[in-house]
Amino acid sequence: MWIRRCDRDWGSLANCRHTFHPYIEGVMERTYTDHQLETIDRKPFVYQDRLYDQYQATQKQREIERSIRKQKRIINSMSELDSEEAKKAKQEAAIRLRRLNANYRAFSERAGLPLQRERTKVLY
């Protein structure tokens, strides 16, 4: 029996980097016990009146990271302008950025996910 580490069919495996290896029942030792497999995912949790499972939590964390990058880009673009409107917009974006960072920390802590600050950096 072959264990496939990709949930796609053979035709789409060109660049997925998953591996295939044989598993012989009774001869080879299992990597995880049944109990470990049952408890491998974190339990669902509630944050701001919404229930999240582990996958949804990672997706919400990515959403917050995208919002943080967006606010940083707005702040950077407003820094180039010298008008009063631009300064006011920059201040509002800075306030939103502080709130997003606080939300990012709180959500990540509640979900048990590590903060990944490299994902919030703006490179251009």
PDB file of N, CA and C in Angstrom:
ATOM      1  N   MET A   1       0.845  -1.173   0.000  1.00  0.00           N
ATOM      2  CA  MET A   1       0.000   0.000   0.000  1.00  0.00           C
ATOM      3  C   MET A   1       0.895   1.243   0.000  1.00  0.00           C
ATOM      4  N   TRP A   2       0.565   2.207  -0.813  1.00  0.00           N
ATOM      5  CA  TRP A   2       1.310   3.465  -0.876  1.00  0.00           C
ATOM      6  C   TRP A   2       0.549   4.538  -0.126  1.00  0.00           C
ATOM      7  N   ILE A   3       1.255   5.322   0.662  1.00  0.00           N
ATOM      8  CA  ILE A   3       0.670   6.460   1.357  1.00  0.00           C
ATOM      9  C   ILE A   3       0.956   7.695   0.518  1.00  0.00           C
ATOM     10  N   ARG A   4      -0.095   8.384   0.136  1.00  0.00           N
ATOM     11  CA  ARG A   4       0.080   9.572  -0.684  1.00  0.00           C
ATOM     12  C   ARG A   4      -0.068  10.797   0.206  1.00  0.00           C
ATOM     13  N   ARG A   5       0.889  11.689   0.176  1.00  0.00           N
ATOM     14  CA  ARG A   5       0.847  12.890   0.999  1.00  0.00           C
ATOM     15  C   ARG A   5       0.356  14.090   0.202  1.00  0.00           C
ATOM     16  N   CYS A   6      -0.579  13.878  -0.645  1.00  0.00           N
ATOM     17  CA  CYS A   6      -1.162  14.969  -1.423  1.00  0.00           C
ATOM     18  C   CYS A   6      -2.591  14.566  -1.723  1.00  0.00           C
ATOM     19  N   ASP A   7      -3.519  15.457  -1.501  1.00  0.00           N
ATOM     20  CA  ASP A   7      -4.918  15.094  -1.705  1.00  0.00           C
ATOM     21  C   ASP A   7      -5.391  15.419  -3.119  1.00  0.00           C
ATOM     22  N   ARG A   8      -4.466  15.611  -4.029  1.00  0.00           N
ATOM     23  CA  ARG A   8      -4.826  15.853  -5.425  1.00  0.00           C
ATOM     24  C   ARG A   8      -4.611  14.575  -6.224  1.00  0.00           C
ATOM     25  N   ASP A   9      -5.110  14.559  -7.425  1.00  0.00           N
ATOM     26  CA  ASP A   9      -4.882  13.380  -8.257  1.00  0.00           C
ATOM     27  C   ASP A   9      -3.480  13.425  -8.865  1.00  0.00           C
ATOM     28  N   TRP A  10      -3.063  12.337  -9.491  1.00  0.00           N
ATOM     29  CA  TRP A  10      -1.711  12.242 -10.042  1.00  0.00           C
ATOM     30  C   TRP A  10      -1.410  13.315 -11.082  1.00  0.00           C
ATOM     31  N   GLY A  11      -2.404  13.747 -11.833  1.00  0.00           N
ATOM     32  CA  GLY A  11      -2.159  14.695 -12.911  1.00  0.00           C
ATOM     33  C   GLY A  11      -1.727  16.060 -12.449  1.00  0.00           C
ATOM     34  N   SER A  12      -2.009  16.437 -11.207  1.00  0.00           N
ATOM     35  CA  SER A  12      -1.678  17.787 -10.753  1.00  0.00           C
ATOM     36  C   SER A  12      -0.548  17.806  -9.725  1.00  0.00           C
ATOM     37  N   LEU A  13       0.279  16.780  -9.697  1.00  0.00           N
ATOM     38  CA  LEU A  13       1.332  16.698  -8.696  1.00  0.00           C
ATOM     39  C   LEU A  13       2.685  17.220  -9.165  1.00  0.00           C
ATOM     40  N   ALA A  14       2.754  17.864 -10.278  1.00  0.00           N
ATOM     41  CA  ALA A  14       4.038  18.237 -10.865  1.00  0.00           C
ATOM     42  C   ALA A  14       4.914  19.042  -9.909  1.00  0.00           C
ATOM     43  N   ASN A  15       4.378  20.036  -9.228  1.00  0.00           N
ATOM     44  CA  ASN A  15       5.194  20.904  -8.380  1.00  0.00           C
ATOM     45  C   ASN A  15       4.725  20.972  -6.935  1.00  0.00           C
ATOM     46  N   CYS A  16       4.000  19.967  -6.477  1.00  0.00           N
ATOM     47  CA  CYS A  16       3.435  20.079  -5.127  1.00  0.00           C
ATOM     48  C   CYS A  16       4.441  19.751  -4.028  1.00  0.00           C
ATOM     49  N   ARG A  17       5.527  19.052  -4.318  1.00  0.00           N
ATOM     50  CA  ARG A  17       6.591  18.712  -3.379  1.00  0.00           C
ATOM     51  C   ARG A  17       6.148  17.753  -2.276  1.00  0.00           C
ATOM     52  N   HIS A  18       5.035  17.094  -2.435  1.00  0.00           N
ATOM     53  CA  HIS A  18       4.640  16.051  -1.502  1.00  0.00           C
ATOM     54  C   HIS A  18       5.388  14.775  -1.861  1.00  0.00           C
ATOM     55  N   THR A  19       5.511  13.893  -0.894  1.00  0.00           N
ATOM     56  CA  THR A  19       6.274  12.674  -1.130  1.00  0.00           C
ATOM     57  C   THR A  19       5.369  11.456  -1.055  1.00  0.00           C
ATOM     58  N   PHE A  20       5.799  10.381  -1.689  1.00  0.00           N
ATOM     59  CA  PHE A  20       5.126   9.101  -1.653  1.00  0.00           C
ATOM     60  C   PHE A  20       6.087   8.099  -1.038  1.00  0.00           C
ATOM     61  N   HIS A  21       5.571   7.249  -0.177  1.00  0.00           N
ATOM     62  CA  HIS A  21       6.420   6.208   0.379  1.00  0.00           C
ATOM     63  C   HIS A  21       5.554   5.000   0.717  1.00  0.00           C
ATOM     64  N   PRO A  22       6.153   3.831   0.682  1.00  0.00           N
ATOM     65  CA  PRO A  22       5.373   2.626   0.980  1.00  0.00           C
ATOM     66  C   PRO A  22       5.145   2.485   2.482  1.00  0.00           C
ATOM     67  N   TYR A  23       4.034   1.884   2.849  1.00  0.00           N
ATOM     68  CA  TYR A  23       3.748   1.558   4.241  1.00  0.00           C
ATOM     69  C   TYR A  23       3.291   0.114   4.273  1.00  0.00           C
ATOM     70  N   ILE A  24       4.005  -0.695   5.010  1.00  0.00           N
ATOM     71  CA  ILE A  24       3.683  -2.112   5.098  1.00  0.00           C
ATOM     72  C   ILE A  24       3.176  -2.382   6.511  1.00  0.00           C
ATOM     73  N   GLU A  25       1.904  -2.713   6.609  1.00  0.00           N
ATOM     74  CA  GLU A  25       1.249  -2.972   7.894  1.00  0.00           C
ATOM     75  C   GLU A  25       1.958  -4.111   8.619  1.00  0.00           C
ATOM     76  N   GLY A  26       2.287  -3.903   9.901  1.00  0.00           N
ATOM     77  CA  GLY A  26       2.924  -4.929  10.705  1.00  0.00           C
ATOM     78  C   GLY A  26       4.436  -4.936  10.613  1.00  0.00           C
ATOM     79  N   VAL A  27       4.994  -4.362   9.562  1.00  0.00           N
ATOM     80  CA  VAL A  27       6.449  -4.341   9.396  1.00  0.00           C
ATOM     81  C   VAL A  27       7.001  -2.975   9.786  1.00  0.00           C
ATOM     82  N   MET A  28       6.308  -1.927   9.370  1.00  0.00           N
ATOM     83  CA  MET A  28       6.773  -0.567   9.627  1.00  0.00           C
ATOM     84  C   MET A  28       6.074   0.017  10.848  1.00  0.00           C
ATOM     85  N   GLU A  29       6.742   0.936  11.473  1.00  0.00           N
ATOM     86  CA  GLU A  29       6.188   1.589  12.650  1.00  0.00           C
ATOM     87  C   GLU A  29       5.455   2.860  12.238  1.00  0.00           C
ATOM     88  N   ARG A  30       4.273   3.065  12.801  1.00  0.00           N
ATOM     89  CA  ARG A  30       3.493   4.259  12.483  1.00  0.00           C
ATOM     90  C   ARG A  30       4.140   5.497  13.095  1.00  0.00           C
ATOM     91  N   THR A  31       4.016   6.614  12.414  1.00  0.00           N
ATOM     92  CA  THR A  31       4.566   7.863  12.923  1.00  0.00           C
ATOM     93  C   THR A  31       3.703   8.413  14.050  1.00  0.00           C
ATOM     94  N   TYR A  32       2.380   8.350  13.889  1.00  0.00           N
ATOM     95  CA  TYR A  32       1.448   8.879  14.872  1.00  0.00           C
ATOM     96  C   TYR A  32       0.502   7.778  15.338  1.00  0.00           C
ATOM     97  N   THR A  33       0.139   7.828  16.618  1.00  0.00           N
ATOM     98  CA  THR A  33      -0.858   6.895  17.129  1.00  0.00           C
ATOM     99  C   THR A  33      -2.241   7.405  16.755  1.00  0.00           C
ATOM    100  N   ASP A  34      -3.250   6.568  16.912  1.00  0.00           N
ATOM    101  CA  ASP A  34      -4.624   6.997  16.632  1.00  0.00           C
ATOM    102  C   ASP A  34      -5.021   8.171  17.517  1.00  0.00           C
ATOM    103  N   HIS A  35      -4.622   8.136  18.780  1.00  0.00           N
ATOM    104  CA  HIS A  35      -4.955   9.224  19.698  1.00  0.00           C
ATOM    105  C   HIS A  35      -4.300  10.531  19.248  1.00  0.00           C
ATOM    106  N   GLN A  36      -3.038  10.479  18.818  1.00  0.00           N
ATOM    107  CA  GLN A  36      -2.359  11.686  18.348  1.00  0.00           C
ATOM    108  C   GLN A  36      -3.047  12.253  17.109  1.00  0.00           C
ATOM    109  N   LEU A  37      -3.484  11.381  16.220  1.00  0.00           N
ATOM    110  CA  LEU A  37      -4.175  11.844  15.019  1.00  0.00           C
ATOM    111  C   LEU A  37      -5.513  12.488  15.357  1.00  0.00           C
ATOM    112  N   GLU A  38      -6.203  11.954  16.379  1.00  0.00           N
ATOM    113  CA  GLU A  38      -7.488  12.524  16.780  1.00  0.00           C
ATOM    114  C   GLU A  38      -7.325  13.891  17.428  1.00  0.00           C
ATOM    115  N   THR A  39      -6.209  14.129  18.096  1.00  0.00           N
ATOM    116  CA  THR A  39      -6.011  15.382  18.830  1.00  0.00           C
ATOM    117  C   THR A  39      -4.979  16.296  18.185  1.00  0.00           C
ATOM    118  N   ILE A  40      -4.632  16.060  16.941  1.00  0.00           N
ATOM    119  CA  ILE A  40      -3.582  16.848  16.291  1.00  0.00           C
ATOM    120  C   ILE A  40      -4.027  18.298  16.042  1.00  0.00           C
ATOM    121  N   ASP A  41      -5.303  18.504  15.780  1.00  0.00           N
ATOM    122  CA  ASP A  41      -5.811  19.860  15.572  1.00  0.00           C
ATOM    123  C   ASP A  41      -6.207  20.467  16.903  1.00  0.00           C
ATOM    124  N   ARG A  42      -6.006  21.775  17.012  1.00  0.00           N
ATOM    125  CA  ARG A  42      -6.446  22.480  18.211  1.00  0.00           C
ATOM    126  C   ARG A  42      -7.967  22.509  18.248  1.00  0.00           C
ATOM    127  N   LYS A  43      -8.488  22.636  19.440  1.00  0.00           N
ATOM    128  CA  LYS A  43      -9.940  22.699  19.578  1.00  0.00           C
ATOM    129  C   LYS A  43     -10.455  24.036  19.052  1.00  0.00           C
ATOM    130  N   PRO A  44     -11.665  24.047  18.497  1.00  0.00           N
ATOM    131  CA  PRO A  44     -12.256  25.314  18.049  1.00  0.00           C
ATOM    132  C   PRO A  44     -12.368  26.294  19.218  1.00  0.00           C
ATOM    133  N   PHE A  45     -12.301  27.572  18.916  1.00  0.00           N
ATOM    134  CA  PHE A  45     -12.378  28.604  19.938  1.00  0.00           C
ATOM    135  C   PHE A  45     -13.258  29.743  19.439  1.00  0.00           C
ATOM    136  N   VAL A  46     -13.698  30.555  20.361  1.00  0.00           N
ATOM    137  CA  VAL A  46     -14.557  31.696  20.032  1.00  0.00           C
ATOM    138  C   VAL A  46     -13.741  32.969  20.175  1.00  0.00           C
ATOM    139  N   TYR A  47     -13.809  33.829  19.167  1.00  0.00           N
ATOM    140  CA  TYR A  47     -13.168  35.140  19.203  1.00  0.00           C
ATOM    141  C   TYR A  47     -14.142  36.136  18.605  1.00  0.00           C
ATOM    142  N   GLN A  48     -14.466  37.167  19.365  1.00  0.00           N
ATOM    143  CA  GLN A  48     -15.435  38.193  18.953  1.00  0.00           C
ATOM    144  C   GLN A  48     -16.725  37.548  18.437  1.00  0.00           C
ATOM    145  N   ASP A  49     -17.280  36.657  19.244  1.00  0.00           N
ATOM    146  CA  ASP A  49     -18.562  35.993  18.980  1.00  0.00           C
ATOM    147  C   ASP A  49     -18.580  35.142  17.719  1.00  0.00           C
ATOM    148  N   ARG A  50     -17.420  34.666  17.287  1.00  0.00           N
ATOM    149  CA  ARG A  50     -17.362  33.796  16.119  1.00  0.00           C
ATOM    150  C   ARG A  50     -16.523  32.572  16.442  1.00  0.00           C
ATOM    151  N   LEU A  51     -16.975  31.416  16.015  1.00  0.00           N
ATOM    152  CA  LEU A  51     -16.275  30.169  16.263  1.00  0.00           C
ATOM    153  C   LEU A  51     -15.278  29.902  15.137  1.00  0.00           C
ATOM    154  N   TYR A  52     -14.027  29.621  15.495  1.00  0.00           N
ATOM    155  CA  TYR A  52     -12.972  29.351  14.523  1.00  0.00           C
ATOM    156  C   TYR A  52     -12.379  27.977  14.787  1.00  0.00           C
ATOM    157  N   ASP A  53     -12.154  27.220  13.718  1.00  0.00           N
ATOM    158  CA  ASP A  53     -11.339  26.014  13.855  1.00  0.00           C
ATOM    159  C   ASP A  53      -9.915  26.399  13.470  1.00  0.00           C
ATOM    160  N   GLN A  54      -9.007  25.437  13.470  1.00  0.00           N
ATOM    161  CA  GLN A  54      -7.598  25.769  13.236  1.00  0.00           C
ATOM    162  C   GLN A  54      -7.375  26.365  11.847  1.00  0.00           C
ATOM    163  N   TYR A  55      -7.977  25.793  10.825  1.00  0.00           N
ATOM    164  CA  TYR A  55      -7.790  26.294   9.469  1.00  0.00           C
ATOM    165  C   TYR A  55      -8.366  27.704   9.336  1.00  0.00           C
ATOM    166  N   GLN A  56      -9.573  27.921   9.842  1.00  0.00           N
ATOM    167  CA  GLN A  56     -10.192  29.248   9.763  1.00  0.00           C
ATOM    168  C   GLN A  56      -9.355  30.276  10.516  1.00  0.00           C
ATOM    169  N   ALA A  57      -8.734  29.860  11.618  1.00  0.00           N
ATOM    170  CA  ALA A  57      -7.885  30.775  12.386  1.00  0.00           C
ATOM    171  C   ALA A  57      -6.679  31.218  11.569  1.00  0.00           C
ATOM    172  N   THR A  58      -6.051  30.282  10.858  1.00  0.00           N
ATOM    173  CA  THR A  58      -4.902  30.669  10.039  1.00  0.00           C
ATOM    174  C   THR A  58      -5.333  31.593   8.902  1.00  0.00           C
ATOM    175  N   GLN A  59      -6.511  31.347   8.337  1.00  0.00           N
ATOM    176  CA  GLN A  59      -7.003  32.209   7.262  1.00  0.00           C
ATOM    177  C   GLN A  59      -7.340  33.602   7.778  1.00  0.00           C
ATOM    178  N   LYS A  60      -7.908  33.688   8.987  1.00  0.00           N
ATOM    179  CA  LYS A  60      -8.212  34.987   9.590  1.00  0.00           C
ATOM    180  C   LYS A  60      -6.910  35.736   9.900  1.00  0.00           C
ATOM    181  N   GLN A  61      -5.898  35.006  10.361  1.00  0.00           N
ATOM    182  CA  GLN A  61      -4.610  35.640  10.632  1.00  0.00           C
ATOM    183  C   GLN A  61      -4.012  36.206   9.341  1.00  0.00           C
ATOM    184  N   ARG A  62      -4.089  35.458   8.236  1.00  0.00           N
ATOM    185  CA  ARG A  62      -3.601  35.970   6.949  1.00  0.00           C
ATOM    186  C   ARG A  62      -4.386  37.213   6.525  1.00  0.00           C
ATOM    187  N   GLU A  63      -5.693  37.220   6.778  1.00  0.00           N
ATOM    188  CA  GLU A  63      -6.523  38.386   6.426  1.00  0.00           C
ATOM    189  C   GLU A  63      -6.060  39.627   7.195  1.00  0.00           C
ATOM    190  N   ILE A  64      -5.803  39.467   8.475  1.00  0.00           N
ATOM    191  CA  ILE A  64      -5.342  40.596   9.286  1.00  0.00           C
ATOM    192  C   ILE A  64      -3.976  41.064   8.798  1.00  0.00           C
ATOM    193  N   GLU A  65      -3.102  40.129   8.448  1.00  0.00           N
ATOM    194  CA  GLU A  65      -1.778  40.497   7.933  1.00  0.00           C
ATOM    195  C   GLU A  65      -1.891  41.295   6.632  1.00  0.00           C
ATOM    196  N   ARG A  66      -2.809  40.887   5.751  1.00  0.00           N
ATOM    197  CA  ARG A  66      -3.010  41.656   4.510  1.00  0.00           C
ATOM    198  C   ARG A  66      -3.509  43.056   4.816  1.00  0.00           C
ATOM    199  N   SER A  67      -4.406  43.188   5.783  1.00  0.00           N
ATOM    200  CA  SER A  67      -4.924  44.507   6.157  1.00  0.00           C
ATOM    201  C   SER A  67      -3.824  45.385   6.734  1.00  0.00           C
ATOM    202  N   ILE A  68      -2.938  44.795   7.519  1.00  0.00           N
ATOM    203  CA  ILE A  68      -1.820  45.549   8.085  1.00  0.00           C
ATOM    204  C   ILE A  68      -0.912  46.067   6.965  1.00  0.00           C
ATOM    205  N   ARG A  69      -0.600  45.203   5.998  1.00  0.00           N
ATOM    206  CA  ARG A  69       0.238  45.644   4.870  1.00  0.00           C
ATOM    207  C   ARG A  69      -0.445  46.756   4.086  1.00  0.00           C
ATOM    208  N   LYS A  70      -1.750  46.646   3.911  1.00  0.00           N
ATOM    209  CA  LYS A  70      -2.487  47.673   3.174  1.00  0.00           C
ATOM    210  C   LYS A  70      -2.389  49.022   3.886  1.00  0.00           C
ATOM    211  N   GLN A  71      -2.559  49.022   5.203  1.00  0.00           N
ATOM    212  CA  GLN A  71      -2.474  50.280   5.951  1.00  0.00           C
ATOM    213  C   GLN A  71      -1.060  50.848   5.894  1.00  0.00           C
ATOM    214  N   LYS A  72      -0.063  49.989   5.938  1.00  0.00           N
ATOM    215  CA  LYS A  72       1.323  50.470   5.840  1.00  0.00           C
ATOM    216  C   LYS A  72       1.579  51.104   4.475  1.00  0.00           C
ATOM    217  N   ARG A  73       1.005  50.528   3.425  1.00  0.00           N
ATOM    218  CA  ARG A  73       1.164  51.113   2.089  1.00  0.00           C
ATOM    219  C   ARG A  73       0.474  52.472   2.006  1.00  0.00           C
ATOM    220  N   ILE A  74      -0.682  52.588   2.623  1.00  0.00           N
ATOM    221  CA  ILE A  74      -1.397  53.868   2.641  1.00  0.00           C
ATOM    222  C   ILE A  74      -0.556  54.911   3.367  1.00  0.00           C
ATOM    223  N   ILE A  75       0.001  54.537   4.507  1.00  0.00           N
ATOM    224  CA  ILE A  75       0.838  55.471   5.274  1.00  0.00           C
ATOM    225  C   ILE A  75       2.052  55.890   4.445  1.00  0.00           C
ATOM    226  N   ASN A  76       2.684  54.932   3.775  1.00  0.00           N
ATOM    227  CA  ASN A  76       3.851  55.261   2.942  1.00  0.00           C
ATOM    228  C   ASN A  76       3.484  56.186   1.796  1.00  0.00           C
ATOM    229  N   SER A  77       2.342  55.952   1.183  1.00  0.00           N
ATOM    230  CA  SER A  77       1.948  56.803   0.055  1.00  0.00           C
ATOM    231  C   SER A  77       1.553  58.199   0.525  1.00  0.00           C
ATOM    232  N   MET A  78       0.929  58.298   1.692  1.00  0.00           N
ATOM    233  CA  MET A  78       0.545  59.608   2.213  1.00  0.00           C
ATOM    234  C   MET A  78       1.759  60.405   2.693  1.00  0.00           C
ATOM    235  N   SER A  79       2.831  59.715   3.027  1.00  0.00           N
ATOM    236  CA  SER A  79       4.051  60.410   3.452  1.00  0.00           C
ATOM    237  C   SER A  79       4.661  61.206   2.305  1.00  0.00           C
ATOM    238  N   GLU A  80       4.404  60.783   1.086  1.00  0.00           N
ATOM    239  CA  GLU A  80       4.955  61.460  -0.091  1.00  0.00           C
ATOM    240  C   GLU A  80       4.215  62.762  -0.411  1.00  0.00           C
ATOM    241  N   LEU A  81       2.983  62.894   0.093  1.00  0.00           N
ATOM    242  CA  LEU A  81       2.174  64.088  -0.201  1.00  0.00           C
ATOM    243  C   LEU A  81       2.316  65.102   0.931  1.00  0.00           C
ATOM    244  N   ASP A  82       2.168  66.388   0.587  1.00  0.00           N
ATOM    245  CA  ASP A  82       2.352  67.447   1.580  1.00  0.00           C
ATOM    246  C   ASP A  82       1.068  68.189   1.939  1.00  0.00           C
ATOM    247  N   SER A  83      -0.053  67.752   1.466  1.00  0.00           N
ATOM    248  CA  SER A  83      -1.299  68.474   1.751  1.00  0.00           C
ATOM    249  C   SER A  83      -1.824  68.126   3.141  1.00  0.00           C
ATOM    250  N   GLU A  84      -2.712  68.972   3.628  1.00  0.00           N
ATOM    251  CA  GLU A  84      -3.343  68.744   4.941  1.00  0.00           C
ATOM    252  C   GLU A  84      -4.226  67.498   4.907  1.00  0.00           C
ATOM    253  N   GLU A  85      -4.898  67.271   3.784  1.00  0.00           N
ATOM    254  CA  GLU A  85      -5.745  66.076   3.648  1.00  0.00           C
ATOM    255  C   GLU A  85      -4.904  64.810   3.748  1.00  0.00           C
ATOM    256  N   ALA A  86      -3.726  64.841   3.148  1.00  0.00           N
ATOM    257  CA  ALA A  86      -2.842  63.682   3.184  1.00  0.00           C
ATOM    258  C   ALA A  86      -2.352  63.425   4.614  1.00  0.00           C
ATOM    259  N   LYS A  87      -2.050  64.495   5.341  1.00  0.00           N
ATOM    260  CA  LYS A  87      -1.607  64.332   6.729  1.00  0.00           C
ATOM    261  C   LYS A  87      -2.719  63.749   7.595  1.00  0.00           C
ATOM    262  N   LYS A  88      -3.945  64.214   7.355  1.00  0.00           N
ATOM    263  CA  LYS A  88      -5.083  63.695   8.118  1.00  0.00           C
ATOM    264  C   LYS A  88      -5.334  62.226   7.759  1.00  0.00           C
ATOM    265  N   ALA A  89      -5.255  61.899   6.480  1.00  0.00           N
ATOM    266  CA  ALA A  89      -5.448  60.515   6.046  1.00  0.00           C
ATOM    267  C   ALA A  89      -4.346  59.618   6.612  1.00  0.00           C
ATOM    268  N   LYS A  90      -3.128  60.158   6.703  1.00  0.00           N
ATOM    269  CA  LYS A  90      -2.017  59.385   7.258  1.00  0.00           C
ATOM    270  C   LYS A  90      -2.248  59.117   8.745  1.00  0.00           C
ATOM    271  N   GLN A  91      -2.745  60.110   9.471  1.00  0.00           N
ATOM    272  CA  GLN A  91      -3.038  59.922  10.896  1.00  0.00           C
ATOM    273  C   GLN A  91      -4.134  58.882  11.097  1.00  0.00           C
ATOM    274  N   GLU A  92      -5.180  58.940  10.267  1.00  0.00           N
ATOM    275  CA  GLU A  92      -6.267  57.961  10.373  1.00  0.00           C
ATOM    276  C   GLU A  92      -5.760  56.551  10.060  1.00  0.00           C
ATOM    277  N   ALA A  93      -4.896  56.436   9.052  1.00  0.00           N
ATOM    278  CA  ALA A  93      -4.338  55.128   8.700  1.00  0.00           C
ATOM    279  C   ALA A  93      -3.436  54.616   9.820  1.00  0.00           C
ATOM    280  N   ALA A  94      -2.711  55.514  10.478  1.00  0.00           N
ATOM    281  CA  ALA A  94      -1.844  55.111  11.587  1.00  0.00           C
ATOM    282  C   ALA A  94      -2.672  54.585  12.759  1.00  0.00           C
ATOM    283  N   ILE A  95      -3.808  55.226  13.007  1.00  0.00           N
ATOM    284  CA  ILE A  95      -4.707  54.760  14.070  1.00  0.00           C
ATOM    285  C   ILE A  95      -5.249  53.372  13.721  1.00  0.00           C
ATOM    286  N   ARG A  96      -5.685  53.194  12.470  1.00  0.00           N
ATOM    287  CA  ARG A  96      -6.178  51.877  12.030  1.00  0.00           C
ATOM    288  C   ARG A  96      -5.086  50.824  12.130  1.00  0.00           C
ATOM    289  N   LEU A  97      -3.849  51.213  11.810  1.00  0.00           N
ATOM    290  CA  LEU A  97      -2.729  50.283  11.881  1.00  0.00           C
ATOM    291  C   LEU A  97      -2.478  49.832  13.322  1.00  0.00           C
ATOM    292  N   ARG A  98      -2.522  50.759  14.264  1.00  0.00           N
ATOM    293  CA  ARG A  98      -2.345  50.387  15.671  1.00  0.00           C
ATOM    294  C   ARG A  98      -3.437  49.437  16.125  1.00  0.00           C
ATOM    295  N   ARG A  99      -4.677  49.703  15.721  1.00  0.00           N
ATOM    296  CA  ARG A  99      -5.787  48.811  16.081  1.00  0.00           C
ATOM    297  C   ARG A  99      -5.634  47.433  15.448  1.00  0.00           C
ATOM    298  N   LEU A 100      -5.207  47.408  14.181  1.00  0.00           N
ATOM    299  CA  LEU A 100      -4.995  46.126  13.508  1.00  0.00           C
ATOM    300  C   LEU A 100      -3.881  45.322  14.176  1.00  0.00           C
ATOM    301  N   ASN A 101      -2.793  46.007  14.565  1.00  0.00           N
ATOM    302  CA  ASN A 101      -1.701  45.312  15.250  1.00  0.00           C
ATOM    303  C   ASN A 101      -2.160  44.737  16.585  1.00  0.00           C
ATOM    304  N   ALA A 102      -2.965  45.496  17.315  1.00  0.00           N
ATOM    305  CA  ALA A 102      -3.498  44.998  18.584  1.00  0.00           C
ATOM    306  C   ALA A 102      -4.424  43.807  18.341  1.00  0.00           C
ATOM    307  N   ASN A 103      -5.256  43.908  17.309  1.00  0.00           N
ATOM    308  CA  ASN A 103      -6.157  42.808  16.960  1.00  0.00           C
ATOM    309  C   ASN A 103      -5.359  41.579  16.533  1.00  0.00           C
ATOM    310  N   TYR A 104      -4.293  41.789  15.783  1.00  0.00           N
ATOM    311  CA  TYR A 104      -3.427  40.699  15.325  1.00  0.00           C
ATOM    312  C   TYR A 104      -2.815  39.958  16.515  1.00  0.00           C
ATOM    313  N   ARG A 105      -2.285  40.717  17.470  1.00  0.00           N
ATOM    314  CA  ARG A 105      -1.699  40.097  18.664  1.00  0.00           C
ATOM    315  C   ARG A 105      -2.757  39.342  19.462  1.00  0.00           C
ATOM    316  N   ALA A 106      -3.909  39.972  19.685  1.00  0.00           N
ATOM    317  CA  ALA A 106      -4.958  39.346  20.487  1.00  0.00           C
ATOM    318  C   ALA A 106      -5.498  38.080  19.813  1.00  0.00           C
ATOM    319  N   PHE A 107      -5.749  38.164  18.516  1.00  0.00           N
ATOM    320  CA  PHE A 107      -6.282  36.997  17.802  1.00  0.00           C
ATOM    321  C   PHE A 107      -5.266  35.857  17.783  1.00  0.00           C
ATOM    322  N   SER A 108      -4.021  36.174  17.495  1.00  0.00           N
ATOM    323  CA  SER A 108      -2.992  35.137  17.431  1.00  0.00           C
ATOM    324  C   SER A 108      -2.797  34.466  18.783  1.00  0.00           C
ATOM    325  N   GLU A 109      -2.839  35.257  19.841  1.00  0.00           N
ATOM    326  CA  GLU A 109      -2.707  34.695  21.186  1.00  0.00           C
ATOM    327  C   GLU A 109      -3.888  33.787  21.511  1.00  0.00           C
ATOM    328  N   ARG A 110      -5.086  34.241  21.190  1.00  0.00           N
ATOM    329  CA  ARG A 110      -6.298  33.450  21.467  1.00  0.00           C
ATOM    330  C   ARG A 110      -6.309  32.163  20.654  1.00  0.00           C
ATOM    331  N   ALA A 111      -5.819  32.212  19.415  1.00  0.00           N
ATOM    332  CA  ALA A 111      -5.805  31.039  18.533  1.00  0.00           C
ATOM    333  C   ALA A 111      -4.631  30.121  18.827  1.00  0.00           C
ATOM    334  N   GLY A 112      -3.650  30.605  19.590  1.00  0.00           N
ATOM    335  CA  GLY A 112      -2.465  29.801  19.849  1.00  0.00           C
ATOM    336  C   GLY A 112      -1.532  29.750  18.655  1.00  0.00           C
ATOM    337  N   LEU A 113      -1.610  30.764  17.809  1.00  0.00           N
ATOM    338  CA  LEU A 113      -0.762  30.835  16.618  1.00  0.00           C
ATOM    339  C   LEU A 113       0.401  31.785  16.881  1.00  0.00           C
ATOM    340  N   PRO A 114       1.565  31.503  16.318  1.00  0.00           N
ATOM    341  CA  PRO A 114       2.697  32.416  16.513  1.00  0.00           C
ATOM    342  C   PRO A 114       2.517  33.681  15.674  1.00  0.00           C
ATOM    343  N   LEU A 115       3.001  34.788  16.212  1.00  0.00           N
ATOM    344  CA  LEU A 115       3.029  36.023  15.427  1.00  0.00           C
ATOM    345  C   LEU A 115       4.066  35.861  14.336  1.00  0.00           C
ATOM    346  N   GLN A 116       3.716  36.234  13.133  1.00  0.00           N
ATOM    347  CA  GLN A 116       4.650  36.142  12.017  1.00  0.00           C
ATOM    348  C   GLN A 116       4.825  37.543  11.437  1.00  0.00           C
ATOM    349  N   ARG A 117       5.655  38.329  12.109  1.00  0.00           N
ATOM    350  CA  ARG A 117       5.836  39.731  11.732  1.00  0.00           C
ATOM    351  C   ARG A 117       6.413  39.891  10.330  1.00  0.00           C
ATOM    352  N   GLU A 118       7.145  38.895   9.860  1.00  0.00           N
ATOM    353  CA  GLU A 118       7.694  39.005   8.507  1.00  0.00           C
ATOM    354  C   GLU A 118       6.581  39.081   7.465  1.00  0.00           C
ATOM    355  N   ARG A 119       5.395  38.594   7.797  1.00  0.00           N
ATOM    356  CA  ARG A 119       4.259  38.639   6.864  1.00  0.00           C
ATOM    357  C   ARG A 119       3.578  40.004   6.858  1.00  0.00           C
ATOM    358  N   THR A 120       3.932  40.863   7.813  1.00  0.00           N
ATOM    359  CA  THR A 120       3.296  42.178   7.870  1.00  0.00           C
ATOM    360  C   THR A 120       4.208  43.272   7.324  1.00  0.00           C
ATOM    361  N   LYS A 121       5.374  42.894   6.858  1.00  0.00           N
ATOM    362  CA  LYS A 121       6.310  43.888   6.329  1.00  0.00           C
ATOM    363  C   LYS A 121       5.941  44.282   4.912  1.00  0.00           C
ATOM    364  N   VAL A 122       6.141  45.554   4.615  1.00  0.00           N
ATOM    365  CA  VAL A 122       5.927  46.065   3.257  1.00  0.00           C
ATOM    366  C   VAL A 122       7.300  46.249   2.635  1.00  0.00           C
ATOM    367  N   LEU A 123       7.509  45.575   1.526  1.00  0.00           N
ATOM    368  CA  LEU A 123       8.825  45.602   0.908  1.00  0.00           C
ATOM    369  C   LEU A 123       8.980  46.654  -0.172  1.00  0.00           C
ATOM    370  N   TYR A 124       7.919  47.310  -0.544  1.00  0.00           N
ATOM    371  CA  TYR A 124       8.003  48.344  -1.573  1.00  0.00           C
ATOM    372  C   TYR A 124       7.136  49.512  -1.223  1.00  0.00           C
TER     373      TYR A 124
END
